[in-house]
Every structure is written in C-alpha cells, then in structure tokens.
Amino acid sequence: MDMKIGLRIVAIGFPSFVMMASGSVVTIAVNWMLQIYGGTMAIAAFGVANRIASFAIMPINGVTQGMQPIVGFNYGSKQFGRVSHSVKLGMLVATILSLIAFAVAEIFPAELARVFSSDPVLIAESEEALRIMLLAAPTIGFQIVCGGLYQALGKARISFIISLMRQIICLVPLLLILPNFFGLSGVWYAFPIADLLAFSVCAIILATTWRKVFRETEMVR
C-alpha cells in the first residue's frame, strides 16, 4: 500500500464524512433547543420540515455528484474550458432546483406537511417551520456545488472548510444563541441566516481561489 496516496484519498473524502457527521451534531442541537422552547410538538414539526428539506436537496446532491467526475477528469487533463463549463452548468441547474424547492415550500407548505400527518396543530407548526427554514433555499444549490467542486479538484482543505461552514461554524452557534432572544422562532431563523452566511463565504472563496487553482496547475505543467 502506498501510504501517501492512501492519505490523499482519505483527505479528499474526509469533507464528505464531516458533512454527514455534522448533520447528527445539528440534529442534537436543534432537538435540545426545541425541547426547551417548543416541546415535543416543535420537535415533531422539525422532523417533518427536515424530511421535506432533505428530499429537496437530493436532486442537488445528484447534480453535484454527476459533475464531480467530469470536473476531476478534465482538470487532470488540463481541459480548463470544460471544467469551467461543467461548473457553470452544475451551478445553474442546482440553483434552478433550489428555486423550485423554495417556491414549493413557500407556496404549498401545508400540503407538504399533510403528507406526514393529519394533526392540524402539527401541520400548522410544520408549515411555519418549513417556510422559515427554507427562506434562503435559493442559495443551497450554490453551496453544495461549491463544496463538491473543490473536492473534485483535490483541494481537500478548501472543501473541508466549506463542509464545516454551514452546519458547524454557522448553524450550531446560531441555534444556541438566537433562541435565547427570540424563543422558538430563533431556532427556525437560525437556518436561513446560516445559509446566507455560508453562501457569502462560499462566494468569497470561489472568487479568490478560482483563478489561483488554474495558475498553480499551469506552473506544474
């Protein structure tokens, strides 16, 4: 076994592991705050809203995973035009899917909640949670594609930072702070605020590193 190659494989795959594991950390933090400020009904409402949000993210993850090998292969063969085109197309499709998810969640939240329950109280709570949690949904596609992009380029450190940004660096602190001032609404609003912060950081990272990545590759040629 070549330990150097093995460690590089682990480093590139580690952001995906962190992203999956951070979901458990977020769930613990959310349930803790909801138990304090909303009780069992709020926890149930989060379960409904979170399942709907997860379903909306699935096709975006599919687009990202489909984009990654195309970007990786063409980046390795110095076909930077194809890399750029693939990334732009991936971000466009992911953003369109995000906008569709946002529109459906904002227009039909009660109908979506009724798929999971017939309890009018739970439906009402889920409707409010879903609408607020997905207020910044149009930015989610960009974030996911951005994280997948740097993973495909072999930039493990940048991908790791992006993977941590939304759920650990932004969301968990907001979940622990906002409910102290805004109660149950603070839990729901932590999600769109975290999305906007993570989107801003991703945009800055992409703007500052995109050309540098290609310049470094040109120097190696």
C-alpha atoms as a PDB file:
ATOM      1  CA  MET A   1       0.000   0.000   0.000  1.00  0.00           C
ATOM      2  CA  ASP A   2       1.188   3.491  -0.881  1.00  0.00           C
ATOM      3  CA  MET A   3       0.517   5.488   2.306  1.00  0.00           C
ATOM      4  CA  LYS A   4       0.960   8.802   0.508  1.00  0.00           C
ATOM      5  CA  ILE A   5      -1.811   8.005  -1.969  1.00  0.00           C
ATOM      6  CA  GLY A   6      -3.957   6.485   0.783  1.00  0.00           C
ATOM      7  CA  LEU A   7      -3.714   9.609   2.938  1.00  0.00           C
ATOM      8  CA  ARG A   8      -4.595  11.782  -0.051  1.00  0.00           C
ATOM      9  CA  ILE A   9      -7.680   9.668  -0.754  1.00  0.00           C
ATOM     10  CA  VAL A  10      -8.725   9.989   2.892  1.00  0.00           C
ATOM     11  CA  ALA A  11      -8.099  13.752   2.838  1.00  0.00           C
ATOM     12  CA  ILE A  12     -10.252  14.253  -0.266  1.00  0.00           C
ATOM     13  CA  GLY A  13     -13.054  12.057   1.086  1.00  0.00           C
ATOM     14  CA  PHE A  14     -12.947  13.489   4.611  1.00  0.00           C
ATOM     15  CA  PRO A  15     -15.155  16.544   3.835  1.00  0.00           C
ATOM     16  CA  SER A  16     -17.998  14.193   2.823  1.00  0.00           C
ATOM     17  CA  PHE A  17     -17.617  12.340   6.118  1.00  0.00           C
ATOM     18  CA  VAL A  18     -17.665  15.642   8.027  1.00  0.00           C
ATOM     19  CA  MET A  19     -20.765  16.816   6.175  1.00  0.00           C
ATOM     20  CA  MET A  20     -22.635  13.612   7.023  1.00  0.00           C
ATOM     21  CA  ALA A  21     -21.458  13.591  10.648  1.00  0.00           C
ATOM     22  CA  SER A  22     -22.263  17.276  11.163  1.00  0.00           C
ATOM     23  CA  GLY A  23     -25.909  16.501  10.402  1.00  0.00           C
ATOM     24  CA  SER A  24     -26.053  14.485  13.627  1.00  0.00           C
ATOM     25  CA  VAL A  25     -24.499  17.360  15.587  1.00  0.00           C
ATOM     26  CA  VAL A  26     -27.071  19.769  14.159  1.00  0.00           C
ATOM     27  CA  THR A  27     -29.946  17.397  14.983  1.00  0.00           C
ATOM     28  CA  ILE A  28     -28.765  17.162  18.595  1.00  0.00           C
ATOM     29  CA  ALA A  29     -28.524  20.966  18.890  1.00  0.00           C
ATOM     30  CA  VAL A  30     -31.915  21.532  17.235  1.00  0.00           C
ATOM     31  CA  ASN A  31     -33.729  18.949  19.354  1.00  0.00           C
ATOM     32  CA  TRP A  32     -32.142  20.338  22.509  1.00  0.00           C
ATOM     33  CA  MET A  33     -33.317  23.878  21.755  1.00  0.00           C
ATOM     34  CA  LEU A  34     -36.736  22.750  20.573  1.00  0.00           C
ATOM     35  CA  GLN A  35     -37.280  20.737  23.727  1.00  0.00           C
ATOM     36  CA  ILE A  36     -36.574  23.870  25.777  1.00  0.00           C
ATOM     37  CA  TYR A  37     -38.511  26.415  23.715  1.00  0.00           C
ATOM     38  CA  GLY A  38     -41.180  24.429  21.867  1.00  0.00           C
ATOM     39  CA  GLY A  39     -41.685  20.976  23.359  1.00  0.00           C
ATOM     40  CA  THR A  40     -42.476  17.714  21.615  1.00  0.00           C
ATOM     41  CA  MET A  41     -44.775  19.277  19.015  1.00  0.00           C
ATOM     42  CA  ALA A  42     -41.968  21.564  17.810  1.00  0.00           C
ATOM     43  CA  ILE A  43     -39.612  18.565  17.613  1.00  0.00           C
ATOM     44  CA  ALA A  44     -42.185  16.714  15.521  1.00  0.00           C
ATOM     45  CA  ALA A  45     -42.614  19.771  13.278  1.00  0.00           C
ATOM     46  CA  PHE A  46     -38.854  19.917  12.742  1.00  0.00           C
ATOM     47  CA  GLY A  47     -38.884  16.243  11.803  1.00  0.00           C
ATOM     48  CA  VAL A  48     -41.492  16.918   9.111  1.00  0.00           C
ATOM     49  CA  ALA A  49     -39.788  20.072   7.796  1.00  0.00           C
ATOM     50  CA  ASN A  50     -36.359  18.444   7.826  1.00  0.00           C
ATOM     51  CA  ARG A  51     -37.577  15.443   5.818  1.00  0.00           C
ATOM     52  CA  ILE A  52     -39.097  17.729   3.203  1.00  0.00           C
ATOM     53  CA  ALA A  53     -35.892  19.795   3.039  1.00  0.00           C
ATOM     54  CA  SER A  54     -33.798  16.620   2.712  1.00  0.00           C
ATOM     55  CA  PHE A  55     -35.960  15.453  -0.175  1.00  0.00           C
ATOM     56  CA  ALA A  56     -35.470  18.832  -1.889  1.00  0.00           C
ATOM     57  CA  ILE A  57     -31.672  18.577  -1.520  1.00  0.00           C
ATOM     58  CA  MET A  58     -31.437  15.051  -3.011  1.00  0.00           C
ATOM     59  CA  PRO A  59     -31.532  16.109  -6.704  1.00  0.00           C
ATOM     60  CA  ILE A  60     -28.974  18.859  -5.995  1.00  0.00           C
ATOM     61  CA  ASN A  61     -26.644  16.266  -4.494  1.00  0.00           C
ATOM     62  CA  GLY A  62     -27.230  14.157  -7.611  1.00  0.00           C
ATOM     63  CA  VAL A  63     -26.225  17.025  -9.888  1.00  0.00           C
ATOM     64  CA  THR A  64     -23.101  17.656  -7.791  1.00  0.00           C
ATOM     65  CA  GLN A  65     -22.062  14.003  -7.792  1.00  0.00           C
ATOM     66  CA  GLY A  66     -22.595  13.841 -11.546  1.00  0.00           C
ATOM     67  CA  MET A  67     -20.499  16.986 -12.033  1.00  0.00           C
ATOM     68  CA  GLN A  68     -17.551  15.843  -9.888  1.00  0.00           C
ATOM     69  CA  PRO A  69     -16.020  13.147 -12.154  1.00  0.00           C
ATOM     70  CA  ILE A  70     -16.401  15.394 -15.200  1.00  0.00           C
ATOM     71  CA  VAL A  71     -14.621  18.250 -13.406  1.00  0.00           C
ATOM     72  CA  GLY A  72     -11.949  15.948 -11.954  1.00  0.00           C
ATOM     73  CA  PHE A  73     -11.085  14.204 -15.223  1.00  0.00           C
ATOM     74  CA  ASN A  74     -10.936  17.425 -17.237  1.00  0.00           C
ATOM     75  CA  TYR A  75      -8.985  19.291 -14.567  1.00  0.00           C
ATOM     76  CA  GLY A  76      -6.427  16.492 -14.531  1.00  0.00           C
ATOM     77  CA  SER A  77      -6.080  16.624 -18.332  1.00  0.00           C
ATOM     78  CA  LYS A  78      -5.795  20.462 -18.274  1.00  0.00           C
ATOM     79  CA  GLN A  79      -9.095  20.928 -20.143  1.00  0.00           C
ATOM     80  CA  PHE A  80      -9.957  24.044 -18.148  1.00  0.00           C
ATOM     81  CA  GLY A  81     -12.630  25.225 -20.572  1.00  0.00           C
ATOM     82  CA  ARG A  82     -14.598  22.034 -19.950  1.00  0.00           C
ATOM     83  CA  VAL A  83     -14.088  22.406 -16.194  1.00  0.00           C
ATOM     84  CA  SER A  84     -15.453  25.943 -16.247  1.00  0.00           C
ATOM     85  CA  HIS A  85     -18.417  24.968 -18.444  1.00  0.00           C
ATOM     86  CA  SER A  86     -19.279  21.977 -16.223  1.00  0.00           C
ATOM     87  CA  VAL A  87     -19.133  24.072 -13.053  1.00  0.00           C
ATOM     88  CA  LYS A  88     -21.283  26.843 -14.516  1.00  0.00           C
ATOM     89  CA  LEU A  89     -23.848  24.339 -15.802  1.00  0.00           C
ATOM     90  CA  GLY A  90     -23.862  22.477 -12.480  1.00  0.00           C
ATOM     91  CA  MET A  91     -24.403  25.684 -10.530  1.00  0.00           C
ATOM     92  CA  LEU A  92     -27.145  26.806 -12.910  1.00  0.00           C
ATOM     93  CA  VAL A  93     -29.067  23.520 -12.635  1.00  0.00           C
ATOM     94  CA  ALA A  94     -28.536  23.329  -8.853  1.00  0.00           C
ATOM     95  CA  THR A  95     -29.772  26.906  -8.429  1.00  0.00           C
ATOM     96  CA  ILE A  96     -32.862  26.224 -10.546  1.00  0.00           C
ATOM     97  CA  LEU A  97     -33.623  23.162  -8.407  1.00  0.00           C
ATOM     98  CA  SER A  98     -33.109  25.289  -5.272  1.00  0.00           C
ATOM     99  CA  LEU A  99     -35.517  27.918  -6.574  1.00  0.00           C
ATOM    100  CA  ILE A 100     -38.120  25.261  -7.331  1.00  0.00           C
ATOM    101  CA  ALA A 101     -37.746  23.834  -3.814  1.00  0.00           C
ATOM    102  CA  PHE A 102     -38.054  27.346  -2.370  1.00  0.00           C
ATOM    103  CA  ALA A 103     -41.196  28.122  -4.373  1.00  0.00           C
ATOM    104  CA  VAL A 104     -42.913  24.830  -3.498  1.00  0.00           C
ATOM    105  CA  ALA A 105     -42.041  25.162   0.201  1.00  0.00           C
ATOM    106  CA  GLU A 106     -43.299  28.745   0.385  1.00  0.00           C
ATOM    107  CA  ILE A 107     -46.488  28.204  -1.640  1.00  0.00           C
ATOM    108  CA  PHE A 108     -47.551  24.715  -0.510  1.00  0.00           C
ATOM    109  CA  PRO A 109     -46.104  24.145   2.997  1.00  0.00           C
ATOM    110  CA  ALA A 110     -49.370  22.883   4.492  1.00  0.00           C
ATOM    111  CA  GLU A 111     -49.955  20.441   1.630  1.00  0.00           C
ATOM    112  CA  LEU A 112     -46.438  19.054   2.065  1.00  0.00           C
ATOM    113  CA  ALA A 113     -46.902  18.704   5.824  1.00  0.00           C
ATOM    114  CA  ARG A 114     -50.185  16.787   5.319  1.00  0.00           C
ATOM    115  CA  VAL A 115     -48.212  14.019   3.623  1.00  0.00           C
ATOM    116  CA  PHE A 116     -46.717  13.226   7.043  1.00  0.00           C
ATOM    117  CA  SER A 117     -49.601  13.965   9.424  1.00  0.00           C
ATOM    118  CA  SER A 118     -53.294  14.791   9.678  1.00  0.00           C
ATOM    119  CA  ASP A 119     -52.913  16.583  13.037  1.00  0.00           C
ATOM    120  CA  PRO A 120     -53.910  20.251  12.411  1.00  0.00           C
ATOM    121  CA  VAL A 121     -51.621  21.544  15.181  1.00  0.00           C
ATOM    122  CA  LEU A 122     -48.613  19.664  13.823  1.00  0.00           C
ATOM    123  CA  ILE A 123     -49.432  20.776  10.265  1.00  0.00           C
ATOM    124  CA  ALA A 124     -49.577  24.426  11.378  1.00  0.00           C
ATOM    125  CA  GLU A 125     -46.243  24.159  13.234  1.00  0.00           C
ATOM    126  CA  SER A 126     -44.608  22.324  10.339  1.00  0.00           C
ATOM    127  CA  GLU A 127     -45.890  24.927   7.893  1.00  0.00           C
ATOM    128  CA  GLU A 128     -44.263  27.754   9.864  1.00  0.00           C
ATOM    129  CA  ALA A 129     -41.022  25.799  10.356  1.00  0.00           C
ATOM    130  CA  LEU A 130     -40.739  24.868   6.673  1.00  0.00           C
ATOM    131  CA  ARG A 131     -41.412  28.376   5.402  1.00  0.00           C
ATOM    132  CA  ILE A 132     -38.795  29.947   7.671  1.00  0.00           C
ATOM    133  CA  MET A 133     -36.161  27.220   7.393  1.00  0.00           C
ATOM    134  CA  LEU A 134     -36.167  27.425   3.580  1.00  0.00           C
ATOM    135  CA  LEU A 135     -36.204  31.213   3.260  1.00  0.00           C
ATOM    136  CA  ALA A 136     -32.636  31.115   1.925  1.00  0.00           C
ATOM    137  CA  ALA A 137     -33.119  27.888  -0.045  1.00  0.00           C
ATOM    138  CA  PRO A 138     -32.100  29.526  -3.373  1.00  0.00           C
ATOM    139  CA  THR A 139     -28.511  29.661  -2.051  1.00  0.00           C
ATOM    140  CA  ILE A 140     -28.265  25.980  -1.093  1.00  0.00           C
ATOM    141  CA  GLY A 141     -27.511  24.692  -4.591  1.00  0.00           C
ATOM    142  CA  PHE A 142     -24.543  27.023  -4.945  1.00  0.00           C
ATOM    143  CA  GLN A 143     -23.131  25.894  -1.587  1.00  0.00           C
ATOM    144  CA  ILE A 144     -23.412  22.179  -2.355  1.00  0.00           C
ATOM    145  CA  VAL A 145     -21.891  22.503  -5.825  1.00  0.00           C
ATOM    146  CA  CYS A 146     -19.096  24.701  -4.468  1.00  0.00           C
ATOM    147  CA  GLY A 147     -18.155  22.082  -1.858  1.00  0.00           C
ATOM    148  CA  GLY A 148     -18.287  19.294  -4.428  1.00  0.00           C
ATOM    149  CA  LEU A 149     -16.201  21.341  -6.864  1.00  0.00           C
ATOM    150  CA  TYR A 150     -13.186  21.660  -4.585  1.00  0.00           C
ATOM    151  CA  GLN A 151     -13.459  18.011  -3.625  1.00  0.00           C
ATOM    152  CA  ALA A 152     -13.305  17.098  -7.327  1.00  0.00           C
ATOM    153  CA  LEU A 153     -10.309  19.391  -7.816  1.00  0.00           C
ATOM    154  CA  GLY A 154      -8.468  17.626  -4.997  1.00  0.00           C
ATOM    155  CA  LYS A 155      -8.437  20.751  -2.808  1.00  0.00           C
ATOM    156  CA  ALA A 156      -9.220  18.925   0.422  1.00  0.00           C
ATOM    157  CA  ARG A 157      -8.582  21.871   2.751  1.00  0.00           C
ATOM    158  CA  ILE A 158     -10.963  24.254   0.960  1.00  0.00           C
ATOM    159  CA  SER A 159     -13.608  21.543   0.622  1.00  0.00           C
ATOM    160  CA  PHE A 160     -13.257  20.790   4.331  1.00  0.00           C
ATOM    161  CA  ILE A 161     -13.821  24.456   5.247  1.00  0.00           C
ATOM    162  CA  ILE A 162     -16.899  24.667   3.026  1.00  0.00           C
ATOM    163  CA  SER A 163     -18.268  21.415   4.503  1.00  0.00           C
ATOM    164  CA  LEU A 164     -17.923  22.808   8.026  1.00  0.00           C
ATOM    165  CA  MET A 165     -19.192  26.282   7.212  1.00  0.00           C
ATOM    166  CA  ARG A 166     -22.966  25.924   7.132  1.00  0.00           C
ATOM    167  CA  GLN A 167     -23.737  23.290   9.727  1.00  0.00           C
ATOM    168  CA  ILE A 168     -20.934  23.545  12.295  1.00  0.00           C
ATOM    169  CA  ILE A 169     -19.404  27.023  12.042  1.00  0.00           C
ATOM    170  CA  CYS A 170     -22.631  28.947  11.314  1.00  0.00           C
ATOM    171  CA  LEU A 171     -25.694  26.903  12.223  1.00  0.00           C
ATOM    172  CA  VAL A 172     -24.780  25.342  15.577  1.00  0.00           C
ATOM    173  CA  PRO A 173     -23.746  28.661  17.237  1.00  0.00           C
ATOM    174  CA  LEU A 174     -26.877  30.356  15.871  1.00  0.00           C
ATOM    175  CA  LEU A 175     -29.037  27.538  17.235  1.00  0.00           C
ATOM    176  CA  LEU A 176     -27.511  28.027  20.673  1.00  0.00           C
ATOM    177  CA  ILE A 177     -27.702  31.852  20.646  1.00  0.00           C
ATOM    178  CA  LEU A 178     -30.840  33.005  18.796  1.00  0.00           C
ATOM    179  CA  PRO A 179     -33.460  31.083  20.846  1.00  0.00           C
ATOM    180  CA  ASN A 180     -32.262  32.924  23.969  1.00  0.00           C
ATOM    181  CA  PHE A 181     -33.518  36.143  22.388  1.00  0.00           C
ATOM    182  CA  PHE A 182     -36.331  35.038  20.060  1.00  0.00           C
ATOM    183  CA  GLY A 183     -37.559  31.773  21.574  1.00  0.00           C
ATOM    184  CA  LEU A 184     -38.836  29.102  19.172  1.00  0.00           C
ATOM    185  CA  SER A 185     -38.665  31.457  16.178  1.00  0.00           C
ATOM    186  CA  GLY A 186     -34.935  31.803  16.837  1.00  0.00           C
ATOM    187  CA  VAL A 187     -34.484  28.086  16.138  1.00  0.00           C
ATOM    188  CA  TRP A 188     -36.236  28.340  12.770  1.00  0.00           C
ATOM    189  CA  TYR A 189     -34.498  31.562  11.715  1.00  0.00           C
ATOM    190  CA  ALA A 190     -31.070  30.084  12.502  1.00  0.00           C
ATOM    191  CA  PHE A 191     -31.337  28.007   9.313  1.00  0.00           C
ATOM    192  CA  PRO A 192     -31.769  30.787   6.691  1.00  0.00           C
ATOM    193  CA  ILE A 193     -29.236  33.012   8.460  1.00  0.00           C
ATOM    194  CA  ALA A 194     -26.693  30.173   8.432  1.00  0.00           C
ATOM    195  CA  ASP A 195     -27.425  29.576   4.745  1.00  0.00           C
ATOM    196  CA  LEU A 196     -26.814  33.231   3.877  1.00  0.00           C
ATOM    197  CA  LEU A 197     -23.571  33.347   5.870  1.00  0.00           C
ATOM    198  CA  ALA A 198     -22.306  30.104   4.325  1.00  0.00           C
ATOM    199  CA  PHE A 199     -23.296  31.294   0.840  1.00  0.00           C
ATOM    200  CA  SER A 200     -21.325  34.527   1.343  1.00  0.00           C
ATOM    201  CA  VAL A 201     -18.229  32.625   2.464  1.00  0.00           C
ATOM    202  CA  CYS A 202     -18.507  30.171  -0.463  1.00  0.00           C
ATOM    203  CA  ALA A 203     -18.811  33.057  -2.926  1.00  0.00           C
ATOM    204  CA  ILE A 204     -15.727  34.752  -1.451  1.00  0.00           C
ATOM    205  CA  ILE A 205     -13.723  31.502  -1.529  1.00  0.00           C
ATOM    206  CA  LEU A 206     -14.723  30.821  -5.138  1.00  0.00           C
ATOM    207  CA  ALA A 207     -13.915  34.374  -6.230  1.00  0.00           C
ATOM    208  CA  THR A 208     -10.497  34.413  -4.558  1.00  0.00           C
ATOM    209  CA  THR A 209      -9.281  30.880  -5.373  1.00  0.00           C
ATOM    210  CA  TRP A 210     -10.753  30.029  -8.788  1.00  0.00           C
ATOM    211  CA  ARG A 211      -8.019  31.625 -10.928  1.00  0.00           C
ATOM    212  CA  LYS A 212      -5.310  30.670  -8.453  1.00  0.00           C
ATOM    213  CA  VAL A 213      -6.185  26.974  -8.785  1.00  0.00           C
ATOM    214  CA  PHE A 214      -5.610  27.097 -12.537  1.00  0.00           C
ATOM    215  CA  ARG A 215      -2.457  29.212 -12.240  1.00  0.00           C
ATOM    216  CA  GLU A 216      -0.928  26.621  -9.900  1.00  0.00           C
ATOM    217  CA  THR A 217      -1.748  23.866 -12.387  1.00  0.00           C
ATOM    218  CA  GLU A 218      -0.201  25.826 -15.259  1.00  0.00           C
ATOM    219  CA  MET A 219       3.017  26.250 -13.227  1.00  0.00           C
ATOM    220  CA  VAL A 220       3.234  22.471 -12.711  1.00  0.00           C
ATOM    221  CA  ARG A 221       2.957  21.721 -16.451  1.00  0.00           C
END
